[in-house]
C-alpha atoms as a PDB file:
ATOM      1  CA  MET A   1      44.856   8.144 -60.293  1.00  0.00           C
ATOM      2  CA  ASN A   2      41.205   8.472 -59.202  1.00  0.00           C
ATOM      3  CA  LYS A   3      39.135  10.502 -61.564  1.00  0.00           C
ATOM      4  CA  ARG A   4      39.665  13.822 -59.572  1.00  0.00           C
ATOM      5  CA  GLU A   5      43.171  13.333 -59.557  1.00  0.00           C
ATOM      6  CA  ALA A   6      42.858  13.188 -63.829  1.00  0.00           C
ATOM      7  CA  LEU A   7      40.732  16.255 -63.908  1.00  0.00           C
ATOM      8  CA  ILE A   8      43.178  18.373 -61.826  1.00  0.00           C
ATOM      9  CA  VAL A   9      46.014  17.120 -64.054  1.00  0.00           C
ATOM     10  CA  ALA A  10      44.437  17.722 -67.042  1.00  0.00           C
ATOM     11  CA  ALA A  11      42.909  21.059 -66.139  1.00  0.00           C
ATOM     12  CA  ALA A  12      46.570  22.168 -65.503  1.00  0.00           C
ATOM     13  CA  LEU A  13      47.852  20.264 -68.782  1.00  0.00           C
ATOM     14  CA  CYS A  14      45.077  22.297 -70.644  1.00  0.00           C
ATOM     15  CA  SER A  15      46.066  25.682 -69.027  1.00  0.00           C
ATOM     16  CA  VAL A  16      49.675  25.255 -70.090  1.00  0.00           C
ATOM     17  CA  THR A  17      48.627  24.362 -73.224  1.00  0.00           C
ATOM     18  CA  LEU A  18      46.118  26.769 -73.925  1.00  0.00           C
ATOM     19  CA  LEU A  19      49.017  29.589 -72.633  1.00  0.00           C
ATOM     20  CA  ARG A  20      51.558  28.093 -74.177  1.00  0.00           C
ATOM     21  CA  GLY A  21      49.686  26.920 -77.754  1.00  0.00           C
ATOM     22  CA  PHE A  22      48.774  30.152 -78.144  1.00  0.00           C
ATOM     23  CA  SER A  23      51.302  32.374 -76.973  1.00  0.00           C
ATOM     24  CA  ALA A  24      52.954  33.260 -80.150  1.00  0.00           C
ATOM     25  CA  ALA A  25      49.501  34.317 -81.883  1.00  0.00           C
ATOM     26  CA  GLY A  26      48.205  35.980 -79.198  1.00  0.00           C
ATOM     27  CA  GLN A  27      51.426  38.252 -78.898  1.00  0.00           C
ATOM     28  CA  GLU A  28      51.190  38.858 -82.958  1.00  0.00           C
ATOM     29  CA  ILE A  29      47.639  39.928 -82.735  1.00  0.00           C
ATOM     30  CA  ALA A  30      48.906  42.173 -79.703  1.00  0.00           C
ATOM     31  CA  ALA A  31      51.770  43.970 -81.718  1.00  0.00           C
ATOM     32  CA  PRO A  32      50.008  46.726 -83.150  1.00  0.00           C
ATOM     33  CA  ALA A  33      49.105  47.932 -79.659  1.00  0.00           C
ATOM     34  CA  ALA A  34      52.780  47.824 -78.809  1.00  0.00           C
ATOM     35  CA  THR A  35      53.783  50.851 -81.450  1.00  0.00           C
ATOM     36  CA  LEU A  36      54.245  54.416 -80.686  1.00  0.00           C
ATOM     37  CA  ALA A  37      51.481  56.314 -80.333  1.00  0.00           C
ATOM     38  CA  THR A  38      49.683  57.820 -83.352  1.00  0.00           C
ATOM     39  CA  ASN A  39      46.242  58.521 -84.285  1.00  0.00           C
ATOM     40  CA  ASP A  40      44.210  55.293 -85.183  1.00  0.00           C
ATOM     41  CA  GLU A  41      41.603  55.473 -88.300  1.00  0.00           C
ATOM     42  CA  ASN A  42      39.541  55.647 -86.034  1.00  0.00           C
ATOM     43  CA  GLY A  43      40.522  59.006 -84.021  1.00  0.00           C
ATOM     44  CA  CYS A  44      41.936  57.192 -81.743  1.00  0.00           C
ATOM     45  CA  VAL A  45      45.618  56.330 -80.050  1.00  0.00           C
ATOM     46  CA  HIS A  46      46.961  52.949 -78.616  1.00  0.00           C
ATOM     47  CA  PRO A  47      47.763  52.881 -75.111  1.00  0.00           C
ATOM     48  CA  ALA A  48      51.582  54.010 -74.101  1.00  0.00           C
ATOM     49  CA  PRO A  49      53.526  50.766 -74.790  1.00  0.00           C
ATOM     50  CA  LEU A  50      55.240  48.617 -72.407  1.00  0.00           C
ATOM     51  CA  LEU A  51      59.006  48.536 -71.343  1.00  0.00           C
ATOM     52  CA  SER A  52      60.144  45.314 -71.838  1.00  0.00           C
ATOM     53  CA  VAL A  53      63.529  43.258 -70.042  1.00  0.00           C
ATOM     54  CA  SER A  54      65.726  44.254 -73.097  1.00  0.00           C
ATOM     55  CA  ASP A  55      65.022  47.989 -72.688  1.00  0.00           C
ATOM     56  CA  TYR A  56      66.965  48.026 -69.240  1.00  0.00           C
ATOM     57  CA  ASP A  57      70.604  47.007 -68.755  1.00  0.00           C
ATOM     58  CA  ARG A  58      71.005  46.367 -65.231  1.00  0.00           C
ATOM     59  CA  ASN A  59      69.978  42.656 -63.600  1.00  0.00           C
ATOM     60  CA  PHE A  60      67.385  43.906 -60.599  1.00  0.00           C
ATOM     61  CA  GLN A  61      65.580  46.408 -63.540  1.00  0.00           C
ATOM     62  CA  LYS A  62      65.411  42.908 -65.552  1.00  0.00           C
ATOM     63  CA  ILE A  63      64.077  41.202 -62.627  1.00  0.00           C
ATOM     64  CA  ALA A  64      61.618  43.484 -61.450  1.00  0.00           C
ATOM     65  CA  VAL A  65      59.822  43.921 -65.038  1.00  0.00           C
ATOM     66  CA  PHE A  66      59.954  40.076 -65.870  1.00  0.00           C
ATOM     67  CA  LEU A  67      58.110  39.758 -62.459  1.00  0.00           C
ATOM     68  CA  THR A  68      55.507  42.662 -62.463  1.00  0.00           C
ATOM     69  CA  HIS A  69      55.069  42.935 -65.890  1.00  0.00           C
ATOM     70  CA  LYS A  70      51.721  41.516 -65.389  1.00  0.00           C
ATOM     71  CA  ILE A  71      50.732  44.312 -63.162  1.00  0.00           C
ATOM     72  CA  GLU A  72      50.417  46.484 -66.206  1.00  0.00           C
ATOM     73  CA  LEU A  73      48.871  44.201 -68.629  1.00  0.00           C
ATOM     74  CA  LYS A  74      45.669  45.215 -68.164  1.00  0.00           C
ATOM     75  CA  ILE A  75      46.113  49.288 -68.078  1.00  0.00           C
ATOM     76  CA  ALA A  76      45.256  51.446 -70.802  1.00  0.00           C
ATOM     77  CA  GLN A  77      47.008  54.111 -70.359  1.00  0.00           C
ATOM     78  CA  LYS A  78      47.176  57.428 -72.706  1.00  0.00           C
ATOM     79  CA  PRO A  79      50.770  57.832 -74.014  1.00  0.00           C
ATOM     80  CA  TYR A  80      51.006  61.502 -73.158  1.00  0.00           C
ATOM     81  CA  ALA A  81      49.645  64.013 -70.796  1.00  0.00           C
ATOM     82  CA  GLY A  82      46.484  65.985 -71.036  1.00  0.00           C
ATOM     83  CA  LYS A  83      43.724  66.311 -73.342  1.00  0.00           C
ATOM     84  CA  GLY A  84      42.966  64.360 -76.622  1.00  0.00           C
ATOM     85  CA  PRO A  85      42.121  61.702 -78.467  1.00  0.00           C
ATOM     86  CA  PRO A  86      40.210  59.037 -76.416  1.00  0.00           C
ATOM     87  CA  ILE A  87      42.641  55.453 -76.054  1.00  0.00           C
ATOM     88  CA  CYS A  88      41.120  52.703 -78.685  1.00  0.00           C
ATOM     89  CA  SER A  89      39.022  49.469 -77.890  1.00  0.00           C
ATOM     90  CA  LEU A  90      39.661  46.264 -77.977  1.00  0.00           C
ATOM     91  CA  ASP A  91      37.821  43.753 -80.708  1.00  0.00           C
ATOM     92  CA  ALA A  92      37.262  40.351 -79.946  1.00  0.00           C
ATOM     93  CA  ARG A  93      40.511  39.210 -81.194  1.00  0.00           C
ATOM     94  CA  GLU A  94      42.861  41.228 -79.196  1.00  0.00           C
ATOM     95  CA  LYS A  95      41.157  40.750 -75.639  1.00  0.00           C
ATOM     96  CA  PHE A  96      41.630  36.949 -76.612  1.00  0.00           C
ATOM     97  CA  ALA A  97      45.322  38.223 -77.533  1.00  0.00           C
ATOM     98  CA  LEU A  98      45.624  40.204 -73.917  1.00  0.00           C
ATOM     99  CA  PHE A  99      44.033  36.840 -71.897  1.00  0.00           C
ATOM    100  CA  VAL A 100      46.437  34.985 -73.503  1.00  0.00           C
ATOM    101  CA  ARG A 101      49.535  37.563 -72.699  1.00  0.00           C
ATOM    102  CA  ASN A 102      48.096  38.382 -69.234  1.00  0.00           C
ATOM    103  CA  VAL A 103      48.143  34.478 -68.176  1.00  0.00           C
ATOM    104  CA  ASP A 104      51.575  34.017 -70.158  1.00  0.00           C
ATOM    105  CA  GLU A 105      53.503  35.714 -67.505  1.00  0.00           C
ATOM    106  CA  PRO A 106      56.179  34.209 -64.825  1.00  0.00           C
ATOM    107  CA  LEU A 107      54.248  35.890 -62.006  1.00  0.00           C
ATOM    108  CA  THR A 108      51.153  33.416 -62.972  1.00  0.00           C
ATOM    109  CA  PHE A 109      53.009  30.157 -61.994  1.00  0.00           C
ATOM    110  CA  LEU A 110      54.962  31.810 -59.220  1.00  0.00           C
ATOM    111  CA  ALA A 111      51.226  33.025 -57.769  1.00  0.00           C
ATOM    112  CA  ALA A 112      50.244  29.739 -58.052  1.00  0.00           C
ATOM    113  CA  GLY A 113      52.506  27.885 -56.490  1.00  0.00           C
ATOM    114  CA  PHE A 114      52.592  30.261 -53.329  1.00  0.00           C
ATOM    115  CA  ASN A 115      48.677  29.622 -53.718  1.00  0.00           C
ATOM    116  CA  ALA A 116      49.924  25.748 -53.437  1.00  0.00           C
ATOM    117  CA  GLY A 117      51.881  26.623 -50.758  1.00  0.00           C
ATOM    118  CA  LEU A 118      49.475  28.331 -48.919  1.00  0.00           C
ATOM    119  CA  ALA A 119      47.040  25.348 -49.271  1.00  0.00           C
ATOM    120  CA  GLN A 120      48.872  23.057 -48.522  1.00  0.00           C
ATOM    121  CA  ALA A 121      49.919  24.336 -45.114  1.00  0.00           C
ATOM    122  CA  SER A 122      46.510  24.871 -43.848  1.00  0.00           C
ATOM    123  CA  ASN A 123      45.308  21.400 -45.627  1.00  0.00           C
ATOM    124  CA  ASP A 124      43.036  22.945 -47.661  1.00  0.00           C
ATOM    125  CA  ASP A 125      41.518  20.416 -50.204  1.00  0.00           C
ATOM    126  CA  SER A 126      42.311  17.228 -47.717  1.00  0.00           C
ATOM    127  CA  ALA A 127      41.666  14.758 -50.482  1.00  0.00           C
ATOM    128  CA  PHE A 128      44.072  15.452 -52.141  1.00  0.00           C
ATOM    129  CA  GLY A 129      46.760  15.118 -49.305  1.00  0.00           C
ATOM    130  CA  GLN A 130      50.332  15.928 -48.534  1.00  0.00           C
ATOM    131  CA  GLY A 131      53.705  15.413 -49.734  1.00  0.00           C
ATOM    132  CA  ALA A 132      55.337  16.374 -53.820  1.00  0.00           C
ATOM    133  CA  ARG A 133      51.949  15.285 -54.897  1.00  0.00           C
ATOM    134  CA  GLY A 134      49.515  16.846 -52.738  1.00  0.00           C
ATOM    135  CA  HIS A 135      51.262  20.075 -53.883  1.00  0.00           C
ATOM    136  CA  GLY A 136      51.647  19.545 -57.587  1.00  0.00           C
ATOM    137  CA  GLN A 137      47.447  18.889 -57.240  1.00  0.00           C
ATOM    138  CA  ARG A 138      47.121  22.289 -55.527  1.00  0.00           C
ATOM    139  CA  PHE A 139      49.193  23.813 -57.692  1.00  0.00           C
ATOM    140  CA  GLY A 140      47.298  22.561 -60.928  1.00  0.00           C
ATOM    141  CA  ALA A 141      43.783  23.812 -59.541  1.00  0.00           C
ATOM    142  CA  ALA A 142      45.332  27.202 -58.481  1.00  0.00           C
ATOM    143  CA  LEU A 143      46.721  27.388 -61.823  1.00  0.00           C
ATOM    144  CA  THR A 144      43.691  26.502 -63.440  1.00  0.00           C
ATOM    145  CA  ASP A 145      41.893  29.040 -60.947  1.00  0.00           C
ATOM    146  CA  ASP A 146      43.746  31.837 -62.828  1.00  0.00           C
ATOM    147  CA  VAL A 147      43.665  30.667 -66.308  1.00  0.00           C
ATOM    148  CA  ALA A 148      39.778  30.355 -66.055  1.00  0.00           C
ATOM    149  CA  GLY A 149      39.523  33.607 -64.234  1.00  0.00           C
ATOM    150  CA  ASN A 150      40.701  35.524 -66.985  1.00  0.00           C
ATOM    151  CA  LEU A 151      39.580  33.579 -69.872  1.00  0.00           C
ATOM    152  CA  PHE A 152      36.195  35.081 -68.329  1.00  0.00           C
ATOM    153  CA  GLY A 153      37.204  38.081 -67.331  1.00  0.00           C
ATOM    154  CA  ILE A 154      39.319  39.530 -69.989  1.00  0.00           C
ATOM    155  CA  PHE A 155      37.944  37.359 -73.319  1.00  0.00           C
ATOM    156  CA  LEU A 156      34.605  35.683 -72.658  1.00  0.00           C
ATOM    157  CA  TYR A 157      32.490  37.906 -70.939  1.00  0.00           C
ATOM    158  CA  PRO A 158      33.833  41.192 -72.244  1.00  0.00           C
ATOM    159  CA  SER A 159      33.260  40.168 -75.951  1.00  0.00           C
ATOM    160  CA  VAL A 160      29.663  39.538 -75.227  1.00  0.00           C
ATOM    161  CA  PHE A 161      29.246  42.373 -73.256  1.00  0.00           C
ATOM    162  CA  ARG A 162      31.673  44.065 -75.568  1.00  0.00           C
ATOM    163  CA  GLU A 163      32.964  45.995 -72.480  1.00  0.00           C
ATOM    164  CA  ASP A 164      36.662  46.598 -72.424  1.00  0.00           C
ATOM    165  CA  PRO A 165      38.619  44.365 -69.472  1.00  0.00           C
ATOM    166  CA  ARG A 166      41.452  46.968 -69.080  1.00  0.00           C
ATOM    167  CA  TYR A 167      41.615  49.511 -66.209  1.00  0.00           C
ATOM    168  CA  TYR A 168      41.738  53.076 -67.501  1.00  0.00           C
ATOM    169  CA  ARG A 169      44.614  54.382 -64.811  1.00  0.00           C
ATOM    170  CA  LEU A 170      43.568  58.142 -64.315  1.00  0.00           C
ATOM    171  CA  LEU A 171      47.222  58.830 -62.903  1.00  0.00           C
ATOM    172  CA  THR A 172      46.517  62.755 -62.248  1.00  0.00           C
ATOM    173  CA  GLY A 173      45.126  64.372 -59.336  1.00  0.00           C
ATOM    174  CA  SER A 174      44.786  64.061 -55.707  1.00  0.00           C
ATOM    175  CA  ALA A 175      44.771  60.312 -54.074  1.00  0.00           C
ATOM    176  CA  LYS A 176      40.748  60.437 -52.686  1.00  0.00           C
ATOM    177  CA  PRO A 177      39.460  60.376 -56.015  1.00  0.00           C
ATOM    178  CA  ARG A 178      42.034  58.402 -57.459  1.00  0.00           C
ATOM    179  CA  LEU A 179      41.204  55.950 -55.065  1.00  0.00           C
ATOM    180  CA  GLY A 180      37.658  56.251 -55.484  1.00  0.00           C
ATOM    181  CA  HIS A 181      38.141  55.479 -59.120  1.00  0.00           C
ATOM    182  CA  ALA A 182      39.873  52.233 -58.504  1.00  0.00           C
ATOM    183  CA  LEU A 183      37.357  50.851 -56.251  1.00  0.00           C
ATOM    184  CA  THR A 184      34.559  51.974 -58.103  1.00  0.00           C
ATOM    185  CA  HIS A 185      36.018  50.249 -60.940  1.00  0.00           C
ATOM    186  CA  VAL A 186      34.706  46.691 -60.343  1.00  0.00           C
ATOM    187  CA  PHE A 187      30.827  48.276 -60.696  1.00  0.00           C
ATOM    188  CA  VAL A 188      31.535  50.545 -63.540  1.00  0.00           C
ATOM    189  CA  ALA A 189      33.084  49.807 -66.292  1.00  0.00           C
ATOM    190  CA  ARG A 190      33.723  51.084 -70.020  1.00  0.00           C
ATOM    191  CA  ALA A 191      32.271  49.851 -73.232  1.00  0.00           C
ATOM    192  CA  ASP A 192      33.694  49.422 -76.259  1.00  0.00           C
ATOM    193  CA  SER A 193      31.964  52.381 -77.468  1.00  0.00           C
ATOM    194  CA  GLY A 194      34.046  54.090 -74.896  1.00  0.00           C
ATOM    195  CA  GLU A 195      30.427  54.409 -72.954  1.00  0.00           C
ATOM    196  CA  ARG A 196      30.233  53.729 -69.012  1.00  0.00           C
ATOM    197  CA  LEU A 197      28.102  50.671 -68.196  1.00  0.00           C
ATOM    198  CA  VAL A 198      27.204  48.019 -65.560  1.00  0.00           C
ATOM    199  CA  ASN A 199      30.557  46.398 -64.847  1.00  0.00           C
ATOM    200  CA  TYR A 200      28.667  42.753 -66.022  1.00  0.00           C
ATOM    201  CA  SER A 201      32.182  41.447 -66.913  1.00  0.00           C
ATOM    202  CA  GLU A 202      33.550  41.354 -63.517  1.00  0.00           C
ATOM    203  CA  TRP A 203      30.615  39.810 -61.627  1.00  0.00           C
ATOM    204  CA  PHE A 204      29.502  37.082 -64.041  1.00  0.00           C
ATOM    205  CA  THR A 205      33.490  36.024 -63.597  1.00  0.00           C
ATOM    206  CA  ALA A 206      33.558  36.170 -60.160  1.00  0.00           C
ATOM    207  CA  ALA A 207      29.935  34.231 -59.765  1.00  0.00           C
ATOM    208  CA  SER A 208      31.270  31.973 -62.999  1.00  0.00           C
ATOM    209  CA  SER A 209      34.645  30.815 -61.645  1.00  0.00           C
ATOM    210  CA  ALA A 210      33.210  30.141 -58.110  1.00  0.00           C
ATOM    211  CA  ALA A 211      31.020  27.349 -59.512  1.00  0.00           C
ATOM    212  CA  LEU A 212      33.458  26.084 -61.587  1.00  0.00           C
ATOM    213  CA  GLN A 213      35.839  25.824 -58.710  1.00  0.00           C
ATOM    214  CA  ASN A 214      33.701  23.185 -57.503  1.00  0.00           C
ATOM    215  CA  LEU A 215      34.570  20.725 -60.338  1.00  0.00           C
ATOM    216  CA  TYR A 216      38.049  20.460 -59.329  1.00  0.00           C
ATOM    217  CA  HIS A 217      38.108  21.393 -55.471  1.00  0.00           C
ATOM    218  CA  PRO A 218      37.347  18.969 -53.917  1.00  0.00           C
ATOM    219  CA  GLY A 219      37.265  20.822 -50.374  1.00  0.00           C
ATOM    220  CA  ASN A 220      34.798  23.428 -51.408  1.00  0.00           C
ATOM    221  CA  GLU A 221      31.719  24.084 -49.716  1.00  0.00           C
ATOM    222  CA  ARG A 222      28.647  23.655 -51.784  1.00  0.00           C
ATOM    223  CA  GLY A 223      25.415  25.308 -52.575  1.00  0.00           C
ATOM    224  CA  PHE A 224      24.762  29.207 -52.954  1.00  0.00           C
ATOM    225  CA  GLY A 225      26.165  30.779 -49.622  1.00  0.00           C
ATOM    226  CA  PRO A 226      29.777  29.239 -49.858  1.00  0.00           C
ATOM    227  CA  ALA A 227      29.335  30.209 -53.415  1.00  0.00           C
ATOM    228  CA  ALA A 228      28.233  33.556 -52.980  1.00  0.00           C
ATOM    229  CA  THR A 229      31.219  34.231 -50.415  1.00  0.00           C
ATOM    230  CA  ARG A 230      33.550  33.028 -53.088  1.00  0.00           C
ATOM    231  CA  THR A 231      32.261  35.368 -55.640  1.00  0.00           C
ATOM    232  CA  GLY A 232      32.670  38.086 -52.760  1.00  0.00           C
ATOM    233  CA  VAL A 233      36.337  37.388 -52.318  1.00  0.00           C
ATOM    234  CA  THR A 234      37.232  37.822 -55.959  1.00  0.00           C
ATOM    235  CA  VAL A 235      35.370  40.603 -56.784  1.00  0.00           C
ATOM    236  CA  ALA A 236      37.137  42.128 -53.912  1.00  0.00           C
ATOM    237  CA  THR A 237      39.879  40.701 -55.130  1.00  0.00           C
ATOM    238  CA  ASP A 238      39.689  42.335 -58.342  1.00  0.00           C
ATOM    239  CA  MET A 239      39.213  45.269 -56.465  1.00  0.00           C
ATOM    240  CA  GLY A 240      42.955  45.590 -54.625  1.00  0.00           C
ATOM    241  CA  TRP A 241      44.338  44.816 -57.850  1.00  0.00           C
ATOM    242  CA  ASP A 242      43.158  48.061 -59.381  1.00  0.00           C
ATOM    243  CA  VAL A 243      44.271  50.394 -56.022  1.00  0.00           C
ATOM    244  CA  LEU A 244      48.206  48.731 -56.716  1.00  0.00           C
ATOM    245  CA  ARG A 245      46.981  49.669 -61.049  1.00  0.00           C
ATOM    246  CA  GLU A 246      46.052  53.385 -60.135  1.00  0.00           C
ATOM    247  CA  PHE A 247      49.245  53.697 -57.778  1.00  0.00           C
ATOM    248  CA  TRP A 248      51.455  51.381 -59.166  1.00  0.00           C
ATOM    249  CA  PRO A 249      53.933  54.933 -60.278  1.00  0.00           C
ATOM    250  CA  GLU A 250      54.481  55.736 -57.174  1.00  0.00           C
ATOM    251  CA  ILE A 251      55.408  52.395 -55.664  1.00  0.00           C
ATOM    252  CA  THR A 252      57.730  52.234 -57.976  1.00  0.00           C
ATOM    253  CA  ARG A 253      58.978  55.967 -57.865  1.00  0.00           C
ATOM    254  CA  THR A 254      59.142  55.046 -53.857  1.00  0.00           C
ATOM    255  CA  PHE A 255      61.162  51.943 -54.189  1.00  0.00           C
ATOM    256  CA  LYS A 256      63.129  52.633 -56.947  1.00  0.00           C
ATOM    257  CA  LEU A 257      61.343  50.246 -59.294  1.00  0.00           C
ATOM    258  CA  PRO A 258      61.426  50.372 -63.376  1.00  0.00           C
ATOM    259  CA  PHE A 259      58.579  51.999 -64.157  1.00  0.00           C
ATOM    260  CA  LEU A 260      56.805  50.204 -67.205  1.00  0.00           C
ATOM    261  CA  HIS A 261      55.551  52.481 -69.739  1.00  0.00           C
ATOM    262  CA  LYS A 262      57.566  53.808 -72.191  1.00  0.00           C
ATOM    263  CA  GLY A 263      55.186  57.029 -71.740  1.00  0.00           C
ATOM    264  CA  GLY A 264      55.539  59.760 -69.168  1.00  0.00           C
ATOM    265  CA  VAL A 265      53.370  59.376 -65.867  1.00  0.00           C
ATOM    266  CA  ASN A 266      53.679  63.064 -64.338  1.00  0.00           C
ATOM    267  CA  LYS A 267      55.034  66.008 -67.182  1.00  0.00           C
ATOM    268  CA  PRO A 268      51.611  67.773 -68.040  1.00  0.00           C
ATOM    269  CA  ALA A 269      51.715  68.517 -71.686  1.00  0.00           C
ATOM    270  CA  LYS A 270      52.181  72.046 -73.219  1.00  0.00           C
ATOM    271  CA  ARG A 271      48.860  72.169 -75.249  1.00  0.00           C
ATOM    272  CA  SER A 272      45.798  70.079 -75.606  1.00  0.00           C
ATOM    273  CA  HIS A 273      45.671  67.641 -78.120  1.00  0.00           C
ATOM    274  CA  GLY A 274      43.003  67.476 -81.227  1.00  0.00           C
ATOM    275  CA  PRO A 275      41.412  64.398 -82.908  1.00  0.00           C
ATOM    276  CA  GLY A 276      43.945  65.481 -86.051  1.00  0.00           C
ATOM    277  CA  ASP A 277      47.090  66.237 -83.863  1.00  0.00           C
ATOM    278  CA  GLU A 278      50.418  64.493 -84.057  1.00  0.00           C
ATOM    279  CA  ILE A 279      51.107  62.667 -80.591  1.00  0.00           C
ATOM    280  CA  SER A 280      54.353  63.224 -78.650  1.00  0.00           C
ATOM    281  CA  PRO A 281      54.967  61.049 -76.246  1.00  0.00           C
ATOM    282  CA  VAL A 282      55.904  62.320 -72.914  1.00  0.00           C
ATOM    283  CA  PRO A 283      59.236  61.285 -71.320  1.00  0.00           C
ATOM    284  CA  ALA A 284      59.285  58.809 -68.772  1.00  0.00           C
ATOM    285  CA  SER A 285      60.628  59.435 -65.249  1.00  0.00           C
ATOM    286  CA  SER A 286      63.949  57.928 -64.852  1.00  0.00           C
ATOM    287  CA  HIS A 287      64.815  54.693 -62.065  1.00  0.00           C
END
């Protein structure tokens, strides 16, 4: 095994070890945010809790939740319709927990395998070769890409810049403003204080990931131009994910998939809620 192969294997093993080793701790830290929404002592509410596989009886629904859970993890959605207290921000420990939960999902490993297959078919990183060994190294590289990107984008830079790494879904209104809201999220983020600010985390994450990939992707072109291109691709990909997250409720209804929030999505509140009011979650749409 040469040094490059050893680096790929070590990176993949570190990624898996990090995920599995801290998974239980991350879930324990994040657990309070999954409780039914009530007013926090700071006058805020927790996002609508996600449904789990155990909430469904049909096998298709269980599989759908199992595979699409990752899409909803970075969503900040109010657990009720209408006005009311703001959603609680995340501290550094909760951001780390969200990073662990977001990466420790089946879709992460399925996507890494898919991307490794595409890379092998087009002979990207040709130094890896072909066959099972080549695919294994490409899988390790793809998995490391995902873990590093999430570490930078969910935990590290949001903690440094005190930004909320989640996407705040509008959910209501016409398609045009909602689309605009999703497309601009890579430029404008929400601070932990609730104010709007430049999405530094997005751009620092994309640039850091592009630079880091040079260590274990032997086929990467070096230099500012190729790195800038990879940074732009990462930002554009994240923009696409934000659009998917914004319109995911409509997609689930169209394809009759289970919607992952226990809070409702389309029924208006009968009245507005103030910071001291009790919050009643809106019933979720059935699928």
